[in-house]
Amino acid sequence: MSNKIPSKPRKNIKSNQKENLIEGGKIWGEFYRKNIEIFVEQYLGVKLFTFQKIIIHMMHKSNWFCWIACRGLGKSYLTAIYCVSVAILYPGIKIVIASGQKSQADAVITDKIAELMNNSPTLSAEIEPKGIRTYHNNTACMFRNGSKITSIASNQGARGIRCNVLLIDEFRMVDKLILDQVLKPFLTNRRTPPFYFKNEYANYPKESNKELYLSSA
């Protein structure tokens, strides 16, 4: 007797192939947004340990998240996985990575995301050609869907940037005055996809911005 679970046909199959594709994208997009750890394994092809699945899931469910991890636990690697996943699932989202030392924030993009790209063809296809670049002393990863991950220096010169996800790596090394007066004001605007400009979505609720704080124990 077979143990295989029988699949159920989709109830909303349409005669138009394009409409089916769009409808399928909606279904999978909603599912992956609610289960981002499954997206990481199925779409990016990255195998996660159970504790990593829990951390990424909670990162995504929380608008304010703090993780203090021992050295060697792969904090920067998991951070990179989370950032690229959100950038793919939420087109046009802006993510900023700040740290006590700019080189540490840069390494999340230049080392960890670059490593992920080498091991995941689907991730490479989502990122623009020469998508990792440096401009105005900031390092950024540009996605084809308009999303962007930027690393910055935690100082007064970083004023004026806007983002929807603010990730502070080694937050204990960031001056509290810089955090309150420079970094947190980045979160003044929320992500606004084009459909918000349609009259029927004028009062549709917007996603909350996120603050994530990471530190070595």
N, C-alpha and C. Protein backbone atom coordinates (compact mmCIF):
# COMPACT_ATOMS: atom_id res chain seq x y z
N MET A 1 0.84 -1.20 0.00
CA MET A 1 0.00 0.00 0.00
C MET A 1 0.87 1.24 0.00
N SER A 2 0.59 2.18 -0.89
CA SER A 2 1.42 3.38 -1.01
C SER A 2 1.15 4.35 0.14
N ASN A 3 2.24 4.96 0.67
CA ASN A 3 2.12 5.97 1.73
C ASN A 3 2.06 7.38 1.17
N LYS A 4 2.10 7.50 -0.14
CA LYS A 4 2.10 8.81 -0.78
C LYS A 4 0.76 9.52 -0.57
N ILE A 5 0.81 10.76 -0.13
CA ILE A 5 -0.40 11.54 0.10
C ILE A 5 -0.95 12.01 -1.24
N PRO A 6 -2.20 11.69 -1.55
CA PRO A 6 -2.75 12.10 -2.86
C PRO A 6 -2.85 13.62 -2.95
N SER A 7 -2.45 14.16 -4.08
CA SER A 7 -2.53 15.61 -4.28
C SER A 7 -3.95 16.00 -4.66
N LYS A 8 -4.33 17.19 -4.26
CA LYS A 8 -5.66 17.70 -4.57
C LYS A 8 -5.56 18.71 -5.71
N PRO A 9 -6.42 18.58 -6.72
CA PRO A 9 -6.38 19.55 -7.83
C PRO A 9 -6.80 20.94 -7.35
N ARG A 10 -6.18 21.97 -7.92
CA ARG A 10 -6.55 23.34 -7.58
C ARG A 10 -7.97 23.62 -8.02
N LYS A 11 -8.72 24.30 -7.17
CA LYS A 11 -10.13 24.56 -7.46
C LYS A 11 -10.32 25.76 -8.39
N ASN A 12 -9.30 26.59 -8.49
CA ASN A 12 -9.48 27.84 -9.23
C ASN A 12 -8.78 27.82 -10.60
N ILE A 13 -8.65 26.63 -11.21
CA ILE A 13 -8.01 26.52 -12.52
C ILE A 13 -8.84 27.29 -13.55
N LYS A 14 -8.15 28.13 -14.31
CA LYS A 14 -8.80 28.92 -15.35
C LYS A 14 -8.38 28.41 -16.73
N SER A 15 -9.14 28.78 -17.72
CA SER A 15 -8.82 28.33 -19.08
C SER A 15 -7.61 29.08 -19.64
N ASN A 16 -7.34 30.29 -19.15
CA ASN A 16 -6.24 31.11 -19.63
C ASN A 16 -4.95 30.76 -18.88
N GLN A 17 -3.92 30.38 -19.64
CA GLN A 17 -2.67 29.95 -19.01
C GLN A 17 -2.00 31.08 -18.23
N LYS A 18 -2.05 32.30 -18.76
CA LYS A 18 -1.44 33.44 -18.08
C LYS A 18 -2.14 33.71 -16.76
N GLU A 19 -3.45 33.64 -16.74
CA GLU A 19 -4.20 33.87 -15.51
C GLU A 19 -3.86 32.80 -14.47
N ASN A 20 -3.69 31.56 -14.93
CA ASN A 20 -3.29 30.49 -14.02
C ASN A 20 -1.92 30.75 -13.40
N LEU A 21 -1.00 31.24 -14.23
CA LEU A 21 0.34 31.55 -13.75
C LEU A 21 0.30 32.65 -12.69
N ILE A 22 -0.46 33.70 -12.94
CA ILE A 22 -0.59 34.81 -11.99
C ILE A 22 -1.23 34.33 -10.69
N GLU A 23 -2.29 33.53 -10.83
CA GLU A 23 -2.98 33.02 -9.65
C GLU A 23 -2.07 32.10 -8.83
N GLY A 24 -1.29 31.26 -9.55
CA GLY A 24 -0.35 30.39 -8.85
C GLY A 24 0.73 31.18 -8.13
N GLY A 25 1.17 32.28 -8.75
CA GLY A 25 2.15 33.14 -8.10
C GLY A 25 1.62 33.74 -6.82
N LYS A 26 0.35 34.12 -6.83
CA LYS A 26 -0.27 34.67 -5.62
C LYS A 26 -0.30 33.63 -4.49
N ILE A 27 -0.69 32.41 -4.86
CA ILE A 27 -0.80 31.35 -3.85
C ILE A 27 0.55 31.04 -3.23
N TRP A 28 1.57 30.83 -4.09
CA TRP A 28 2.90 30.52 -3.57
C TRP A 28 3.54 31.70 -2.86
N GLY A 29 3.30 32.92 -3.37
CA GLY A 29 3.85 34.11 -2.71
C GLY A 29 3.32 34.24 -1.30
N GLU A 30 2.02 34.04 -1.13
CA GLU A 30 1.43 34.14 0.21
C GLU A 30 1.97 33.04 1.13
N PHE A 31 2.08 31.82 0.58
CA PHE A 31 2.57 30.70 1.39
C PHE A 31 4.01 30.95 1.84
N TYR A 32 4.87 31.38 0.91
CA TYR A 32 6.28 31.58 1.25
C TYR A 32 6.47 32.76 2.19
N ARG A 33 5.65 33.79 2.07
CA ARG A 33 5.75 34.92 2.99
C ARG A 33 5.40 34.51 4.41
N LYS A 34 4.49 33.55 4.54
CA LYS A 34 4.10 33.07 5.87
C LYS A 34 5.06 32.00 6.39
N ASN A 35 5.84 31.41 5.51
CA ASN A 35 6.76 30.32 5.89
C ASN A 35 8.11 30.55 5.21
N ILE A 36 8.78 31.60 5.60
CA ILE A 36 9.99 32.03 4.88
C ILE A 36 11.10 30.99 4.97
N GLU A 37 11.12 30.20 6.04
CA GLU A 37 12.15 29.17 6.17
C GLU A 37 11.96 28.07 5.12
N ILE A 38 10.73 27.82 4.71
CA ILE A 38 10.47 26.85 3.64
C ILE A 38 10.92 27.43 2.30
N PHE A 39 10.71 28.73 2.12
CA PHE A 39 11.18 29.42 0.91
C PHE A 39 12.69 29.27 0.76
N VAL A 40 13.41 29.44 1.85
CA VAL A 40 14.88 29.35 1.82
C VAL A 40 15.32 27.99 1.31
N GLU A 41 14.68 26.93 1.80
CA GLU A 41 15.10 25.58 1.41
C GLU A 41 14.60 25.21 0.02
N GLN A 42 13.34 25.55 -0.30
CA GLN A 42 12.78 25.10 -1.57
C GLN A 42 13.20 25.97 -2.75
N TYR A 43 13.24 27.28 -2.56
CA TYR A 43 13.53 28.18 -3.69
C TYR A 43 15.03 28.48 -3.81
N LEU A 44 15.65 28.80 -2.69
CA LEU A 44 17.08 29.11 -2.74
C LEU A 44 17.95 27.87 -2.70
N GLY A 45 17.38 26.76 -2.25
CA GLY A 45 18.15 25.52 -2.19
C GLY A 45 19.16 25.49 -1.07
N VAL A 46 18.89 26.22 0.02
CA VAL A 46 19.81 26.28 1.16
C VAL A 46 19.25 25.41 2.28
N LYS A 47 20.00 24.43 2.71
CA LYS A 47 19.57 23.54 3.78
C LYS A 47 19.80 24.22 5.13
N LEU A 48 18.78 24.20 5.98
CA LEU A 48 18.85 24.86 7.28
C LEU A 48 18.75 23.84 8.40
N PHE A 49 19.46 24.11 9.51
CA PHE A 49 19.25 23.35 10.73
C PHE A 49 17.96 23.82 11.39
N THR A 50 17.43 23.03 12.31
CA THR A 50 16.16 23.37 12.95
C THR A 50 16.24 24.71 13.66
N PHE A 51 17.33 24.98 14.39
CA PHE A 51 17.43 26.24 15.12
C PHE A 51 17.48 27.43 14.16
N GLN A 52 18.07 27.23 12.96
CA GLN A 52 18.12 28.30 11.97
C GLN A 52 16.73 28.59 11.41
N LYS A 53 15.95 27.53 11.21
CA LYS A 53 14.57 27.72 10.74
C LYS A 53 13.77 28.54 11.74
N ILE A 54 13.94 28.24 13.02
CA ILE A 54 13.21 28.96 14.07
C ILE A 54 13.62 30.42 14.10
N ILE A 55 14.92 30.68 14.02
CA ILE A 55 15.42 32.07 14.08
C ILE A 55 14.92 32.88 12.89
N ILE A 56 15.03 32.33 11.68
CA ILE A 56 14.58 33.05 10.49
C ILE A 56 13.07 33.27 10.54
N HIS A 57 12.33 32.28 11.01
CA HIS A 57 10.87 32.42 11.13
C HIS A 57 10.52 33.56 12.08
N MET A 58 11.20 33.63 13.23
CA MET A 58 10.92 34.68 14.21
C MET A 58 11.41 36.05 13.74
N MET A 59 12.52 36.08 13.01
CA MET A 59 12.97 37.34 12.40
C MET A 59 11.86 37.94 11.55
N HIS A 60 11.20 37.06 10.80
CA HIS A 60 10.20 37.52 9.85
C HIS A 60 8.86 37.85 10.51
N LYS A 61 8.53 37.15 11.58
CA LYS A 61 7.25 37.38 12.25
C LYS A 61 7.28 38.61 13.15
N SER A 62 8.47 39.01 13.58
CA SER A 62 8.59 40.10 14.56
C SER A 62 8.95 41.42 13.88
N ASN A 63 8.35 42.50 14.33
CA ASN A 63 8.73 43.82 13.84
C ASN A 63 9.94 44.37 14.61
N TRP A 64 10.20 43.80 15.80
CA TRP A 64 11.38 44.16 16.59
C TRP A 64 11.99 42.86 17.07
N PHE A 65 13.24 42.61 16.66
CA PHE A 65 13.87 41.32 16.92
C PHE A 65 15.29 41.52 17.43
N CYS A 66 15.67 40.75 18.44
CA CYS A 66 17.04 40.81 18.98
C CYS A 66 17.58 39.40 19.12
N TRP A 67 18.78 39.19 18.58
CA TRP A 67 19.42 37.88 18.65
C TRP A 67 20.86 38.05 19.13
N ILE A 68 21.17 37.47 20.28
CA ILE A 68 22.52 37.47 20.82
C ILE A 68 23.06 36.05 20.68
N ALA A 69 24.08 35.87 19.87
CA ALA A 69 24.56 34.54 19.52
C ALA A 69 26.02 34.38 19.87
N CYS A 70 26.42 33.14 20.20
CA CYS A 70 27.84 32.87 20.45
C CYS A 70 28.61 32.93 19.14
N ARG A 71 29.88 33.14 19.25
CA ARG A 71 30.72 33.21 18.05
C ARG A 71 30.76 31.85 17.35
N GLY A 72 30.81 31.90 16.02
CA GLY A 72 30.88 30.67 15.25
C GLY A 72 29.53 30.04 14.95
N LEU A 73 28.45 30.71 15.33
CA LEU A 73 27.11 30.15 15.10
C LEU A 73 26.58 30.47 13.71
N GLY A 74 27.29 31.31 12.95
CA GLY A 74 26.85 31.63 11.59
C GLY A 74 25.85 32.77 11.55
N LYS A 75 26.01 33.74 12.43
CA LYS A 75 25.07 34.86 12.52
C LYS A 75 25.04 35.68 11.24
N SER A 76 26.19 36.02 10.71
CA SER A 76 26.25 36.83 9.48
C SER A 76 25.69 36.08 8.28
N TYR A 77 25.96 34.77 8.21
CA TYR A 77 25.45 33.93 7.12
C TYR A 77 23.93 33.87 7.15
N LEU A 78 23.36 33.66 8.34
CA LEU A 78 21.92 33.59 8.47
C LEU A 78 21.27 34.94 8.19
N THR A 79 21.97 36.00 8.58
CA THR A 79 21.50 37.36 8.27
C THR A 79 21.40 37.56 6.76
N ALA A 80 22.42 37.13 6.04
CA ALA A 80 22.42 37.27 4.59
C ALA A 80 21.29 36.47 3.96
N ILE A 81 21.05 35.26 4.45
CA ILE A 81 19.96 34.43 3.93
C ILE A 81 18.63 35.14 4.14
N TYR A 82 18.42 35.68 5.32
CA TYR A 82 17.16 36.36 5.60
C TYR A 82 16.98 37.58 4.70
N CYS A 83 18.02 38.38 4.55
CA CYS A 83 17.92 39.61 3.76
C CYS A 83 17.58 39.32 2.30
N VAL A 84 18.26 38.35 1.69
CA VAL A 84 17.98 38.07 0.27
C VAL A 84 16.58 37.47 0.09
N SER A 85 16.13 36.69 1.07
CA SER A 85 14.79 36.09 0.99
C SER A 85 13.72 37.17 1.02
N VAL A 86 13.86 38.12 1.93
CA VAL A 86 12.90 39.22 2.02
C VAL A 86 12.95 40.08 0.76
N ALA A 87 14.15 40.31 0.25
CA ALA A 87 14.30 41.12 -0.96
C ALA A 87 13.59 40.50 -2.16
N ILE A 88 13.57 39.18 -2.23
CA ILE A 88 12.89 38.49 -3.34
C ILE A 88 11.38 38.48 -3.13
N LEU A 89 10.94 38.19 -1.92
CA LEU A 89 9.52 38.03 -1.63
C LEU A 89 8.74 39.35 -1.58
N TYR A 90 9.46 40.46 -1.35
CA TYR A 90 8.80 41.77 -1.24
C TYR A 90 9.45 42.74 -2.23
N PRO A 91 9.00 42.75 -3.48
CA PRO A 91 9.60 43.61 -4.51
C PRO A 91 9.65 45.07 -4.08
N GLY A 92 10.79 45.69 -4.36
CA GLY A 92 10.95 47.11 -4.06
C GLY A 92 11.29 47.43 -2.62
N ILE A 93 11.52 46.42 -1.79
CA ILE A 93 11.83 46.67 -0.38
C ILE A 93 13.27 47.17 -0.24
N LYS A 94 13.48 48.04 0.74
CA LYS A 94 14.81 48.59 1.00
C LYS A 94 15.30 48.08 2.35
N ILE A 95 16.45 47.44 2.34
CA ILE A 95 17.04 46.87 3.55
C ILE A 95 18.38 47.53 3.80
N VAL A 96 18.60 48.00 5.02
CA VAL A 96 19.88 48.62 5.39
C VAL A 96 20.54 47.80 6.49
N ILE A 97 21.82 47.49 6.29
CA ILE A 97 22.62 46.79 7.29
C ILE A 97 23.64 47.77 7.84
N ALA A 98 23.60 48.01 9.13
CA ALA A 98 24.58 48.88 9.79
C ALA A 98 25.32 48.07 10.84
N SER A 99 26.51 48.52 11.19
CA SER A 99 27.30 47.80 12.18
C SER A 99 28.23 48.78 12.88
N GLY A 100 28.84 48.30 13.97
CA GLY A 100 29.81 49.14 14.67
C GLY A 100 30.98 49.49 13.77
N GLN A 101 31.35 48.56 12.89
CA GLN A 101 32.39 48.81 11.89
C GLN A 101 31.80 48.56 10.51
N LYS A 102 32.00 49.51 9.60
CA LYS A 102 31.38 49.39 8.28
C LYS A 102 31.87 48.15 7.54
N SER A 103 33.12 47.78 7.73
CA SER A 103 33.65 46.60 7.03
C SER A 103 32.87 45.35 7.39
N GLN A 104 32.37 45.31 8.61
CA GLN A 104 31.59 44.15 9.04
C GLN A 104 30.24 44.12 8.35
N ALA A 105 29.61 45.29 8.20
CA ALA A 105 28.33 45.37 7.47
C ALA A 105 28.55 45.05 5.99
N ASP A 106 29.64 45.56 5.42
CA ASP A 106 29.95 45.29 4.00
C ASP A 106 30.12 43.79 3.75
N ALA A 107 30.72 43.08 4.73
CA ALA A 107 31.03 41.66 4.54
C ALA A 107 29.77 40.81 4.38
N VAL A 108 28.65 41.25 4.96
CA VAL A 108 27.40 40.51 4.79
C VAL A 108 27.04 40.44 3.31
N ILE A 109 27.31 41.53 2.58
CA ILE A 109 27.00 41.59 1.15
C ILE A 109 28.13 41.01 0.30
N THR A 110 29.34 41.51 0.51
CA THR A 110 30.45 41.12 -0.37
C THR A 110 30.92 39.69 -0.15
N ASP A 111 30.77 39.16 1.06
CA ASP A 111 31.21 37.79 1.35
C ASP A 111 30.04 36.81 1.40
N LYS A 112 29.08 37.06 2.29
CA LYS A 112 28.02 36.08 2.54
C LYS A 112 27.01 36.00 1.39
N ILE A 113 26.51 37.16 0.91
CA ILE A 113 25.55 37.12 -0.20
C ILE A 113 26.24 36.63 -1.47
N ALA A 114 27.48 37.04 -1.69
CA ALA A 114 28.23 36.56 -2.86
C ALA A 114 28.41 35.05 -2.80
N GLU A 115 28.65 34.50 -1.60
CA GLU A 115 28.79 33.06 -1.43
C GLU A 115 27.46 32.35 -1.73
N LEU A 116 26.37 32.94 -1.25
CA LEU A 116 25.05 32.36 -1.52
C LEU A 116 24.75 32.34 -3.02
N MET A 117 25.14 33.41 -3.71
CA MET A 117 24.92 33.49 -5.16
C MET A 117 25.66 32.37 -5.89
N ASN A 118 26.85 32.08 -5.45
CA ASN A 118 27.64 31.03 -6.10
C ASN A 118 27.00 29.65 -5.94
N ASN A 119 26.27 29.46 -4.83
CA ASN A 119 25.68 28.15 -4.55
C ASN A 119 24.20 28.06 -4.90
N SER A 120 23.59 29.18 -5.31
CA SER A 120 22.16 29.17 -5.61
C SER A 120 21.89 29.87 -6.94
N PRO A 121 21.70 29.12 -8.02
CA PRO A 121 21.40 29.73 -9.32
C PRO A 121 20.13 30.58 -9.31
N THR A 122 19.14 30.18 -8.50
CA THR A 122 17.90 30.96 -8.45
C THR A 122 18.14 32.33 -7.83
N LEU A 123 19.00 32.39 -6.81
CA LEU A 123 19.33 33.69 -6.21
C LEU A 123 20.09 34.55 -7.21
N SER A 124 21.05 33.97 -7.91
CA SER A 124 21.81 34.72 -8.91
C SER A 124 20.91 35.31 -9.98
N ALA A 125 19.85 34.56 -10.35
CA ALA A 125 18.92 35.04 -11.37
C ALA A 125 18.07 36.20 -10.86
N GLU A 126 17.91 36.31 -9.56
CA GLU A 126 17.10 37.39 -8.98
C GLU A 126 17.88 38.70 -8.86
N ILE A 127 19.20 38.61 -8.86
CA ILE A 127 20.05 39.79 -8.67
C ILE A 127 20.52 40.32 -10.02
N GLU A 128 20.58 41.64 -10.14
CA GLU A 128 20.99 42.26 -11.39
C GLU A 128 22.42 41.85 -11.77
N PRO A 129 22.75 41.85 -13.07
CA PRO A 129 24.15 41.64 -13.47
C PRO A 129 25.03 42.71 -12.80
N LYS A 130 26.14 42.28 -12.26
CA LYS A 130 26.99 43.18 -11.47
C LYS A 130 26.17 43.85 -10.37
N GLY A 131 25.29 43.05 -9.75
CA GLY A 131 24.35 43.59 -8.77
C GLY A 131 24.99 44.04 -7.47
N ILE A 132 26.18 43.49 -7.14
CA ILE A 132 26.89 43.94 -5.94
C ILE A 132 27.86 45.04 -6.34
N ARG A 133 27.63 46.22 -5.83
CA ARG A 133 28.44 47.37 -6.26
C ARG A 133 28.65 48.35 -5.11
N THR A 134 29.58 49.25 -5.29
CA THR A 134 29.89 50.28 -4.30
C THR A 134 29.58 51.65 -4.88
N TYR A 135 28.87 52.48 -4.13
CA TYR A 135 28.57 53.83 -4.56
C TYR A 135 28.46 54.73 -3.33
N HIS A 136 28.96 55.96 -3.44
CA HIS A 136 28.95 56.92 -2.33
C HIS A 136 29.47 56.28 -1.03
N ASN A 137 30.51 55.47 -1.15
CA ASN A 137 31.13 54.80 -0.01
C ASN A 137 30.24 53.74 0.63
N ASN A 138 29.08 53.44 0.03
CA ASN A 138 28.20 52.39 0.53
C ASN A 138 28.25 51.19 -0.41
N THR A 139 28.10 50.00 0.15
CA THR A 139 28.04 48.78 -0.65
C THR A 139 26.57 48.35 -0.75
N ALA A 140 26.14 47.91 -1.93
CA ALA A 140 24.73 47.56 -2.13
C ALA A 140 24.61 46.33 -3.01
N CYS A 141 23.52 45.61 -2.82
CA CYS A 141 23.14 44.49 -3.67
C CYS A 141 21.80 44.83 -4.30
N MET A 142 21.76 44.91 -5.63
CA MET A 142 20.57 45.36 -6.37
C MET A 142 19.84 44.15 -6.97
N PHE A 143 18.54 44.09 -6.77
CA PHE A 143 17.72 42.99 -7.28
C PHE A 143 16.92 43.45 -8.50
N ARG A 144 16.59 42.49 -9.36
CA ARG A 144 15.84 42.79 -10.58
C ARG A 144 14.44 43.33 -10.28
N ASN A 145 13.87 42.98 -9.14
CA ASN A 145 12.52 43.42 -8.80
C ASN A 145 12.48 44.78 -8.10
N GLY A 146 13.63 45.46 -8.04
CA GLY A 146 13.68 46.79 -7.43
C GLY A 146 14.09 46.82 -5.98
N SER A 147 14.25 45.66 -5.36
CA SER A 147 14.70 45.61 -3.96
C SER A 147 16.19 45.94 -3.87
N LYS A 148 16.60 46.41 -2.70
CA LYS A 148 18.01 46.77 -2.52
C LYS A 148 18.44 46.52 -1.09
N ILE A 149 19.63 45.93 -0.95
CA ILE A 149 20.25 45.74 0.37
C ILE A 149 21.49 46.61 0.41
N THR A 150 21.59 47.50 1.38
CA THR A 150 22.69 48.46 1.46
C THR A 150 23.38 48.35 2.81
N SER A 151 24.70 48.37 2.81
CA SER A 151 25.46 48.43 4.06
C SER A 151 26.01 49.85 4.23
N ILE A 152 25.95 50.35 5.46
CA ILE A 152 26.36 51.72 5.71
C ILE A 152 27.25 51.81 6.95
N ALA A 153 27.91 52.95 7.09
CA ALA A 153 28.67 53.24 8.30
C ALA A 153 27.74 53.84 9.34
N SER A 154 27.89 53.44 10.58
CA SER A 154 27.04 53.96 11.66
C SER A 154 27.62 55.26 12.19
N ASN A 155 27.42 56.34 11.45
CA ASN A 155 27.91 57.65 11.87
C ASN A 155 26.98 58.75 11.38
N GLN A 156 27.31 60.00 11.67
CA GLN A 156 26.46 61.12 11.31
C GLN A 156 26.32 61.29 9.80
N GLY A 157 27.30 60.80 9.04
CA GLY A 157 27.26 60.96 7.59
C GLY A 157 26.23 60.07 6.91
N ALA A 158 25.58 59.18 7.66
CA ALA A 158 24.60 58.27 7.06
C ALA A 158 23.19 58.86 7.00
N ARG A 159 23.01 60.08 7.41
CA ARG A 159 21.67 60.69 7.44
C ARG A 159 21.05 60.73 6.03
N GLY A 160 19.71 60.67 6.01
CA GLY A 160 18.99 60.85 4.76
C GLY A 160 18.60 59.57 4.05
N ILE A 161 19.12 58.42 4.49
CA ILE A 161 18.76 57.14 3.86
C ILE A 161 17.40 56.69 4.38
N ARG A 162 16.64 55.99 3.55
CA ARG A 162 15.35 55.45 3.96
C ARG A 162 15.33 53.94 3.72
N CYS A 163 14.67 53.21 4.60
CA CYS A 163 14.58 51.76 4.43
C CYS A 163 13.31 51.24 5.10
N ASN A 164 13.01 49.98 4.82
CA ASN A 164 11.87 49.30 5.43
C ASN A 164 12.30 48.25 6.44
N VAL A 165 13.54 47.78 6.31
CA VAL A 165 14.12 46.85 7.27
C VAL A 165 15.48 47.40 7.68
N LEU A 166 15.64 47.65 8.99
CA LEU A 166 16.90 48.15 9.52
C LEU A 166 17.53 47.05 10.36
N LEU A 167 18.70 46.59 9.95
CA LEU A 167 19.39 45.51 10.64
C LEU A 167 20.70 46.06 11.22
N ILE A 168 20.82 46.00 12.54
CA ILE A 168 22.02 46.50 13.22
C ILE A 168 22.84 45.31 13.68
N ASP A 169 23.98 45.09 13.05
CA ASP A 169 24.87 44.00 13.43
C ASP A 169 25.84 44.51 14.49
N GLU A 170 26.11 43.67 15.50
CA GLU A 170 26.94 44.07 16.65
C GLU A 170 26.42 45.41 17.21
N PHE A 171 25.15 45.42 17.55
CA PHE A 171 24.50 46.67 17.96
C PHE A 171 25.10 47.26 19.23
N ARG A 172 25.73 46.44 20.07
CA ARG A 172 26.34 46.97 21.30
C ARG A 172 27.51 47.90 21.00
N MET A 173 28.04 47.82 19.75
CA MET A 173 29.16 48.68 19.37
C MET A 173 28.70 49.98 18.71
N VAL A 174 27.38 50.13 18.52
CA VAL A 174 26.84 51.32 17.86
C VAL A 174 26.44 52.34 18.93
N ASP A 175 26.91 53.57 18.79
CA ASP A 175 26.59 54.62 19.75
C ASP A 175 25.08 54.84 19.83
N LYS A 176 24.55 54.92 21.05
CA LYS A 176 23.11 55.07 21.25
C LYS A 176 22.58 56.35 20.60
N LEU A 177 23.37 57.41 20.62
CA LEU A 177 22.95 58.67 20.01
C LEU A 177 22.82 58.51 18.50
N ILE A 178 23.76 57.80 17.88
CA ILE A 178 23.69 57.54 16.43
C ILE A 178 22.48 56.67 16.11
N LEU A 179 22.24 55.68 16.95
CA LEU A 179 21.09 54.79 16.73
C LEU A 179 19.78 55.57 16.75
N ASP A 180 19.61 56.43 17.74
CA ASP A 180 18.34 57.14 17.91
C ASP A 180 18.17 58.30 16.92
N GLN A 181 19.25 59.02 16.65
CA GLN A 181 19.14 60.24 15.84
C GLN A 181 19.41 60.02 14.35
N VAL A 182 20.14 58.96 14.00
CA VAL A 182 20.53 58.75 12.60
C VAL A 182 19.89 57.49 12.00
N LEU A 183 20.02 56.36 12.68
CA LEU A 183 19.61 55.08 12.09
C LEU A 183 18.10 54.84 12.15
N LYS A 184 17.50 55.02 13.31
CA LYS A 184 16.06 54.75 13.43
C LYS A 184 15.20 55.64 12.52
N PRO A 185 15.57 56.91 12.28
CA PRO A 185 14.79 57.73 11.34
C PRO A 185 14.77 57.20 9.91
N PHE A 186 15.64 56.22 9.58
CA PHE A 186 15.57 55.60 8.25
C PHE A 186 14.20 54.98 8.00
N LEU A 187 13.49 54.62 9.07
CA LEU A 187 12.26 53.84 8.97
C LEU A 187 11.00 54.70 8.89
N THR A 188 11.12 55.93 8.41
CA THR A 188 9.95 56.82 8.37
C THR A 188 8.95 56.45 7.28
N ASN A 189 9.41 55.79 6.21
CA ASN A 189 8.51 55.42 5.11
C ASN A 189 8.29 53.92 5.07
N ARG A 190 7.07 53.51 4.69
CA ARG A 190 6.77 52.10 4.54
C ARG A 190 6.79 51.71 3.06
N ARG A 191 6.99 50.42 2.81
CA ARG A 191 7.01 49.93 1.43
C ARG A 191 5.66 50.21 0.77
N THR A 192 5.71 50.77 -0.44
CA THR A 192 4.48 51.15 -1.14
C THR A 192 4.50 50.56 -2.55
N PRO A 193 4.02 49.33 -2.72
CA PRO A 193 3.92 48.74 -4.07
C PRO A 193 2.96 49.55 -4.94
N PRO A 194 3.08 49.47 -6.26
CA PRO A 194 2.25 50.29 -7.15
C PRO A 194 0.74 50.14 -6.97
N PHE A 195 0.28 48.97 -6.48
CA PHE A 195 -1.17 48.79 -6.38
C PHE A 195 -1.81 49.74 -5.36
N TYR A 196 -0.99 50.29 -4.46
CA TYR A 196 -1.53 51.23 -3.46
C TYR A 196 -2.07 52.50 -4.12
N PHE A 197 -1.63 52.79 -5.33
CA PHE A 197 -2.06 54.01 -6.00
C PHE A 197 -3.40 53.83 -6.73
N LYS A 198 -3.94 52.60 -6.70
CA LYS A 198 -5.28 52.37 -7.25
C LYS A 198 -6.32 52.75 -6.20
N ASN A 199 -7.42 53.34 -6.66
CA ASN A 199 -8.44 53.84 -5.74
C ASN A 199 -8.98 52.76 -4.81
N GLU A 200 -9.15 51.54 -5.32
CA GLU A 200 -9.74 50.48 -4.50
C GLU A 200 -8.83 50.03 -3.36
N TYR A 201 -7.52 50.41 -3.43
CA TYR A 201 -6.59 50.04 -2.37
C TYR A 201 -6.13 51.25 -1.55
N ALA A 202 -6.85 52.34 -1.65
CA ALA A 202 -6.45 53.58 -0.96
C ALA A 202 -6.33 53.38 0.54
N ASN A 203 -7.19 52.56 1.13
CA ASN A 203 -7.20 52.34 2.59
C ASN A 203 -6.63 50.98 2.98
N TYR A 204 -5.96 50.33 2.05
CA TYR A 204 -5.39 49.02 2.33
C TYR A 204 -4.22 49.17 3.30
N PRO A 205 -4.17 48.39 4.39
CA PRO A 205 -3.10 48.56 5.39
C PRO A 205 -1.72 48.25 4.81
N LYS A 206 -0.71 49.00 5.25
CA LYS A 206 0.66 48.81 4.78
C LYS A 206 1.43 47.94 5.78
N GLU A 207 2.47 47.30 5.26
CA GLU A 207 3.32 46.46 6.11
C GLU A 207 4.09 47.34 7.10
N SER A 208 4.32 46.79 8.28
CA SER A 208 5.13 47.50 9.27
C SER A 208 6.60 47.37 8.92
N ASN A 209 7.37 48.41 9.22
CA ASN A 209 8.82 48.33 9.06
C ASN A 209 9.40 47.49 10.20
N LYS A 210 10.65 47.06 10.01
CA LYS A 210 11.26 46.15 10.97
C LYS A 210 12.60 46.68 11.50
N GLU A 211 12.86 46.37 12.77
CA GLU A 211 14.16 46.62 13.39
C GLU A 211 14.70 45.28 13.88
N LEU A 212 15.92 44.94 13.45
CA LEU A 212 16.56 43.70 13.89
C LEU A 212 17.92 44.03 14.49
N TYR A 213 18.18 43.52 15.69
CA TYR A 213 19.42 43.80 16.40
C TYR A 213 20.15 42.48 16.66
N LEU A 214 21.41 42.41 16.22
CA LEU A 214 22.22 41.21 16.37
C LEU A 214 23.50 41.53 17.11
N SER A 215 23.97 40.56 17.90
CA SER A 215 25.23 40.78 18.61
C SER A 215 25.86 39.45 18.96
N SER A 216 27.19 39.44 19.03
CA SER A 216 27.90 38.29 19.55
C SER A 216 27.79 38.30 21.07
N ALA A 217 27.69 37.13 21.66
CA ALA A 217 27.60 37.03 23.12
C ALA A 217 28.95 37.35 23.75
